[in-house]
N, C-alpha and C. Protein backbone atom coordinates (compact mmCIF):
# COMPACT_ATOMS: atom_id res chain seq x y z
N MET A 1 50.83 -9.55 10.70
CA MET A 1 49.93 -10.64 11.08
C MET A 1 48.78 -10.12 11.94
N ALA A 2 49.09 -9.35 12.96
CA ALA A 2 48.05 -8.81 13.85
C ALA A 2 47.13 -7.90 13.07
N ASN A 3 47.68 -7.14 12.14
CA ASN A 3 46.87 -6.23 11.34
C ASN A 3 45.89 -7.00 10.46
N ARG A 4 46.33 -8.16 9.92
CA ARG A 4 45.47 -9.00 9.10
C ARG A 4 44.31 -9.57 9.92
N LEU A 5 44.58 -9.96 11.16
CA LEU A 5 43.54 -10.49 12.04
C LEU A 5 42.50 -9.42 12.37
N VAL A 6 42.98 -8.20 12.63
CA VAL A 6 42.07 -7.09 12.94
C VAL A 6 41.20 -6.79 11.73
N ASN A 7 41.79 -6.75 10.53
CA ASN A 7 41.01 -6.47 9.31
C ASN A 7 39.97 -7.55 9.08
N SER A 8 40.34 -8.82 9.27
CA SER A 8 39.41 -9.92 9.09
C SER A 8 38.26 -9.83 10.08
N HIS A 9 38.58 -9.54 11.33
CA HIS A 9 37.55 -9.40 12.38
C HIS A 9 36.64 -8.21 12.08
N SER A 10 37.22 -7.12 11.64
CA SER A 10 36.43 -5.93 11.31
C SER A 10 35.47 -6.21 10.17
N LYS A 11 35.93 -6.94 9.16
CA LYS A 11 35.05 -7.27 8.03
C LYS A 11 33.87 -8.13 8.47
N ARG A 12 34.13 -9.08 9.38
CA ARG A 12 33.04 -9.92 9.90
C ARG A 12 32.02 -9.09 10.66
N ILE A 13 32.51 -8.16 11.46
CA ILE A 13 31.61 -7.30 12.23
C ILE A 13 30.75 -6.46 11.30
N VAL A 14 31.38 -5.88 10.27
CA VAL A 14 30.64 -5.05 9.32
C VAL A 14 29.61 -5.90 8.57
N ARG A 15 29.98 -7.11 8.15
CA ARG A 15 29.06 -8.00 7.43
C ARG A 15 27.87 -8.36 8.32
N ARG A 16 28.13 -8.69 9.58
CA ARG A 16 27.02 -9.04 10.50
C ARG A 16 26.14 -7.85 10.80
N ALA A 17 26.73 -6.67 10.92
CA ALA A 17 25.94 -5.46 11.14
C ALA A 17 25.03 -5.21 9.95
N GLY A 18 25.55 -5.45 8.74
CA GLY A 18 24.73 -5.29 7.53
C GLY A 18 23.57 -6.27 7.51
N GLN A 19 23.84 -7.51 7.89
CA GLN A 19 22.78 -8.52 7.94
C GLN A 19 21.72 -8.14 8.96
N ALA A 20 22.16 -7.69 10.11
CA ALA A 20 21.22 -7.27 11.16
C ALA A 20 20.40 -6.07 10.70
N GLY A 21 21.03 -5.15 10.00
CA GLY A 21 20.32 -3.98 9.48
C GLY A 21 19.26 -4.36 8.47
N ARG A 22 19.59 -5.29 7.57
CA ARG A 22 18.61 -5.75 6.58
C ARG A 22 17.45 -6.47 7.26
N TRP A 23 17.76 -7.29 8.26
CA TRP A 23 16.71 -8.01 8.99
C TRP A 23 15.77 -7.02 9.67
N LEU A 24 16.35 -6.02 10.34
CA LEU A 24 15.55 -5.01 11.02
C LEU A 24 14.70 -4.21 10.04
N ALA A 25 15.28 -3.84 8.91
CA ALA A 25 14.53 -3.08 7.91
C ALA A 25 13.35 -3.89 7.38
N ALA A 26 13.55 -5.18 7.17
CA ALA A 26 12.45 -6.04 6.70
C ALA A 26 11.34 -6.10 7.74
N ARG A 27 11.68 -6.22 9.02
CA ARG A 27 10.66 -6.30 10.08
C ARG A 27 9.90 -4.99 10.22
N VAL A 28 10.61 -3.86 10.15
CA VAL A 28 9.95 -2.56 10.25
C VAL A 28 9.05 -2.35 9.04
N GLY A 29 9.52 -2.78 7.86
CA GLY A 29 8.71 -2.67 6.64
C GLY A 29 7.42 -3.46 6.75
N ALA A 30 7.52 -4.67 7.29
CA ALA A 30 6.33 -5.51 7.47
C ALA A 30 5.36 -4.87 8.45
N LEU A 31 5.87 -4.29 9.52
CA LEU A 31 5.03 -3.62 10.50
C LEU A 31 4.31 -2.43 9.87
N CYS A 32 5.02 -1.65 9.10
CA CYS A 32 4.41 -0.49 8.44
C CYS A 32 3.37 -0.94 7.42
N GLU A 33 3.66 -2.03 6.70
CA GLU A 33 2.73 -2.55 5.69
C GLU A 33 1.41 -2.91 6.32
N PHE A 34 1.42 -3.67 7.42
CA PHE A 34 0.14 -4.08 8.02
C PHE A 34 -0.62 -2.88 8.55
N GLN A 35 0.07 -1.86 9.05
CA GLN A 35 -0.62 -0.70 9.61
C GLN A 35 -1.19 0.21 8.53
N GLN A 36 -0.87 -0.05 7.28
CA GLN A 36 -1.41 0.75 6.19
C GLN A 36 -2.54 0.05 5.45
N ARG A 37 -2.82 -1.20 5.80
CA ARG A 37 -3.84 -1.95 5.08
C ARG A 37 -5.24 -1.48 5.45
N ILE A 38 -6.09 -1.41 4.44
CA ILE A 38 -7.49 -0.99 4.63
C ILE A 38 -8.38 -1.93 3.83
N TRP A 39 -9.45 -2.37 4.46
CA TRP A 39 -10.44 -3.22 3.80
C TRP A 39 -11.81 -2.57 3.87
N VAL A 40 -12.64 -2.82 2.85
CA VAL A 40 -14.06 -2.56 2.91
C VAL A 40 -14.69 -3.91 3.20
N VAL A 41 -15.44 -3.99 4.28
CA VAL A 41 -16.03 -5.26 4.71
C VAL A 41 -17.55 -5.13 4.69
N SER A 42 -18.19 -6.08 4.04
CA SER A 42 -19.66 -6.18 4.09
C SER A 42 -20.01 -7.49 4.75
N ILE A 43 -20.83 -7.39 5.79
CA ILE A 43 -21.33 -8.58 6.47
C ILE A 43 -22.79 -8.72 6.08
N VAL A 44 -23.12 -9.86 5.47
CA VAL A 44 -24.45 -10.09 4.94
C VAL A 44 -25.04 -11.33 5.59
N ASN A 45 -26.25 -11.19 6.13
CA ASN A 45 -27.00 -12.37 6.56
C ASN A 45 -28.45 -12.19 6.14
N ASP A 46 -29.32 -13.04 6.58
CA ASP A 46 -30.72 -13.02 6.11
C ASP A 46 -31.44 -11.71 6.42
N THR A 47 -31.12 -11.06 7.52
CA THR A 47 -31.90 -9.90 7.95
C THR A 47 -31.22 -8.55 7.73
N TYR A 48 -29.93 -8.53 7.45
CA TYR A 48 -29.27 -7.23 7.27
C TYR A 48 -27.97 -7.36 6.47
N THR A 49 -27.53 -6.22 6.01
CA THR A 49 -26.21 -6.09 5.41
C THR A 49 -25.55 -4.88 6.07
N ASP A 50 -24.36 -5.07 6.56
CA ASP A 50 -23.62 -4.00 7.23
C ASP A 50 -22.28 -3.85 6.51
N THR A 51 -21.98 -2.65 6.05
CA THR A 51 -20.73 -2.40 5.33
C THR A 51 -19.96 -1.31 6.05
N PHE A 52 -18.67 -1.54 6.21
CA PHE A 52 -17.84 -0.56 6.89
C PHE A 52 -16.38 -0.71 6.46
N ILE A 53 -15.55 0.19 6.93
CA ILE A 53 -14.13 0.20 6.60
C ILE A 53 -13.33 -0.28 7.80
N VAL A 54 -12.40 -1.19 7.55
CA VAL A 54 -11.48 -1.68 8.59
C VAL A 54 -10.10 -1.14 8.23
N ASN A 55 -9.56 -0.32 9.11
CA ASN A 55 -8.25 0.30 8.91
C ASN A 55 -7.30 -0.24 9.97
N GLU A 56 -6.26 -0.95 9.55
CA GLU A 56 -5.33 -1.55 10.51
C GLU A 56 -4.40 -0.53 11.18
N GLY A 57 -4.49 0.72 10.80
CA GLY A 57 -3.62 1.74 11.38
C GLY A 57 -3.77 1.87 12.88
N SER A 58 -4.92 1.50 13.40
CA SER A 58 -5.14 1.60 14.84
C SER A 58 -4.97 0.27 15.56
N PHE A 59 -4.59 -0.77 14.83
CA PHE A 59 -4.44 -2.09 15.43
C PHE A 59 -3.08 -2.25 16.10
N GLU A 60 -3.03 -3.15 17.07
CA GLU A 60 -1.78 -3.49 17.73
C GLU A 60 -1.08 -4.65 17.05
N GLN A 61 -1.83 -5.46 16.30
CA GLN A 61 -1.27 -6.62 15.61
C GLN A 61 -1.99 -6.79 14.28
N PRO A 62 -1.36 -7.47 13.32
CA PRO A 62 -2.02 -7.68 12.02
C PRO A 62 -3.34 -8.42 12.16
N MET A 63 -4.32 -7.96 11.42
CA MET A 63 -5.65 -8.58 11.33
C MET A 63 -6.32 -8.77 12.69
N GLN A 64 -6.11 -7.85 13.57
CA GLN A 64 -6.70 -7.92 14.91
C GLN A 64 -8.22 -7.98 14.83
N TRP A 65 -8.82 -7.21 13.92
CA TRP A 65 -10.28 -7.20 13.78
C TRP A 65 -10.78 -8.59 13.39
N MET A 66 -10.07 -9.23 12.44
CA MET A 66 -10.48 -10.54 11.96
C MET A 66 -10.34 -11.60 13.06
N HIS A 67 -9.28 -11.48 13.85
CA HIS A 67 -9.11 -12.39 15.00
C HIS A 67 -10.30 -12.26 15.95
N ARG A 68 -10.67 -11.03 16.25
CA ARG A 68 -11.78 -10.78 17.19
C ARG A 68 -13.11 -11.31 16.67
N LYS A 69 -13.28 -11.31 15.35
CA LYS A 69 -14.53 -11.80 14.76
C LYS A 69 -14.57 -13.32 14.69
N GLY A 70 -13.45 -13.98 14.99
CA GLY A 70 -13.43 -15.43 15.01
C GLY A 70 -13.03 -16.09 13.71
N TYR A 71 -12.30 -15.40 12.86
CA TYR A 71 -11.83 -15.99 11.60
C TYR A 71 -10.90 -17.16 11.92
N SER A 72 -11.04 -18.23 11.17
CA SER A 72 -10.18 -19.42 11.34
C SER A 72 -8.79 -19.12 10.77
N ALA A 73 -7.87 -20.02 11.04
CA ALA A 73 -6.50 -19.86 10.52
C ALA A 73 -6.52 -19.85 8.99
N GLU A 74 -7.35 -20.70 8.39
CA GLU A 74 -7.45 -20.72 6.93
C GLU A 74 -7.98 -19.39 6.39
N MET A 75 -9.00 -18.84 7.05
CA MET A 75 -9.55 -17.55 6.63
C MET A 75 -8.50 -16.45 6.75
N LEU A 76 -7.79 -16.45 7.87
CA LEU A 76 -6.75 -15.44 8.09
C LEU A 76 -5.67 -15.53 7.02
N ALA A 77 -5.31 -16.74 6.62
CA ALA A 77 -4.30 -16.92 5.58
C ALA A 77 -4.79 -16.36 4.25
N ARG A 78 -6.05 -16.58 3.94
CA ARG A 78 -6.62 -16.03 2.70
C ARG A 78 -6.64 -14.51 2.72
N VAL A 79 -7.00 -13.93 3.87
CA VAL A 79 -7.03 -12.47 3.98
C VAL A 79 -5.61 -11.92 3.88
N GLU A 80 -4.67 -12.57 4.54
CA GLU A 80 -3.28 -12.13 4.52
C GLU A 80 -2.72 -12.13 3.10
N ALA A 81 -3.15 -13.08 2.28
CA ALA A 81 -2.63 -13.21 0.91
C ALA A 81 -3.28 -12.25 -0.08
N MET A 82 -4.30 -11.51 0.35
CA MET A 82 -5.01 -10.63 -0.57
C MET A 82 -4.12 -9.51 -1.09
N GLY A 83 -4.28 -9.24 -2.37
CA GLY A 83 -3.63 -8.09 -2.97
C GLY A 83 -4.60 -6.91 -3.00
N ARG A 84 -4.09 -5.77 -3.37
CA ARG A 84 -4.95 -4.60 -3.47
C ARG A 84 -6.02 -4.83 -4.53
N SER A 85 -7.21 -4.34 -4.25
CA SER A 85 -8.38 -4.44 -5.14
C SER A 85 -8.91 -5.86 -5.28
N GLN A 86 -8.41 -6.78 -4.51
CA GLN A 86 -8.91 -8.16 -4.56
C GLN A 86 -10.11 -8.30 -3.62
N VAL A 87 -11.07 -9.13 -4.01
CA VAL A 87 -12.28 -9.35 -3.22
C VAL A 87 -12.39 -10.84 -2.91
N ILE A 88 -12.71 -11.15 -1.66
CA ILE A 88 -12.99 -12.53 -1.28
C ILE A 88 -14.26 -12.56 -0.45
N GLN A 89 -14.88 -13.73 -0.38
CA GLN A 89 -16.05 -13.93 0.46
C GLN A 89 -15.78 -15.09 1.38
N LEU A 90 -16.04 -14.88 2.66
CA LEU A 90 -15.83 -15.90 3.68
C LEU A 90 -17.15 -16.16 4.40
N GLU A 91 -17.41 -17.40 4.71
CA GLU A 91 -18.62 -17.76 5.45
C GLU A 91 -18.26 -17.91 6.92
N LEU A 92 -18.93 -17.15 7.76
CA LEU A 92 -18.65 -17.18 9.19
C LEU A 92 -19.98 -17.27 9.93
N GLY A 93 -20.27 -18.44 10.46
CA GLY A 93 -21.56 -18.65 11.13
C GLY A 93 -22.68 -18.52 10.12
N ASP A 94 -23.68 -17.69 10.43
CA ASP A 94 -24.82 -17.51 9.52
C ASP A 94 -24.66 -16.28 8.63
N ALA A 95 -23.44 -15.74 8.54
CA ALA A 95 -23.20 -14.54 7.76
C ALA A 95 -22.06 -14.74 6.75
N SER A 96 -22.18 -14.00 5.67
CA SER A 96 -21.10 -13.96 4.69
C SER A 96 -20.32 -12.67 4.90
N HIS A 97 -19.00 -12.80 4.96
CA HIS A 97 -18.14 -11.63 5.07
C HIS A 97 -17.49 -11.42 3.71
N ARG A 98 -17.77 -10.29 3.09
CA ARG A 98 -17.16 -9.94 1.80
C ARG A 98 -16.13 -8.86 2.06
N LEU A 99 -14.90 -9.19 1.73
CA LEU A 99 -13.80 -8.26 1.99
C LEU A 99 -13.17 -7.81 0.68
N MET A 100 -12.91 -6.51 0.58
CA MET A 100 -12.14 -5.98 -0.53
C MET A 100 -10.97 -5.19 0.07
N ARG A 101 -9.77 -5.59 -0.30
CA ARG A 101 -8.60 -4.85 0.19
C ARG A 101 -8.45 -3.61 -0.68
N VAL A 102 -8.48 -2.45 -0.02
CA VAL A 102 -8.39 -1.17 -0.72
C VAL A 102 -6.94 -0.70 -0.77
N LYS A 103 -6.25 -0.83 0.31
CA LYS A 103 -4.87 -0.35 0.38
C LYS A 103 -4.01 -1.37 1.09
């Protein structure tokens, strides 16, 4: 009887450890994914066009650059949903932001 209780308890511990391991792996994977994302961004307004590369590898949080530029929650959701090689255009103030996700 005692042996059966120990085996049952051990199985629960192993199952929970597996669940915790999968949860942790998913979170680490998500962290690595955001730090590998790269966009080509062109900002266009009436007087200039500025194009540059945004690499999240140096960011502390996902889409930190976009937060700093004042992107709305809707804009951030659109950027977050982008796949590789996808291009979107967002209007921000008097400028158009054209983003292409490269990686």
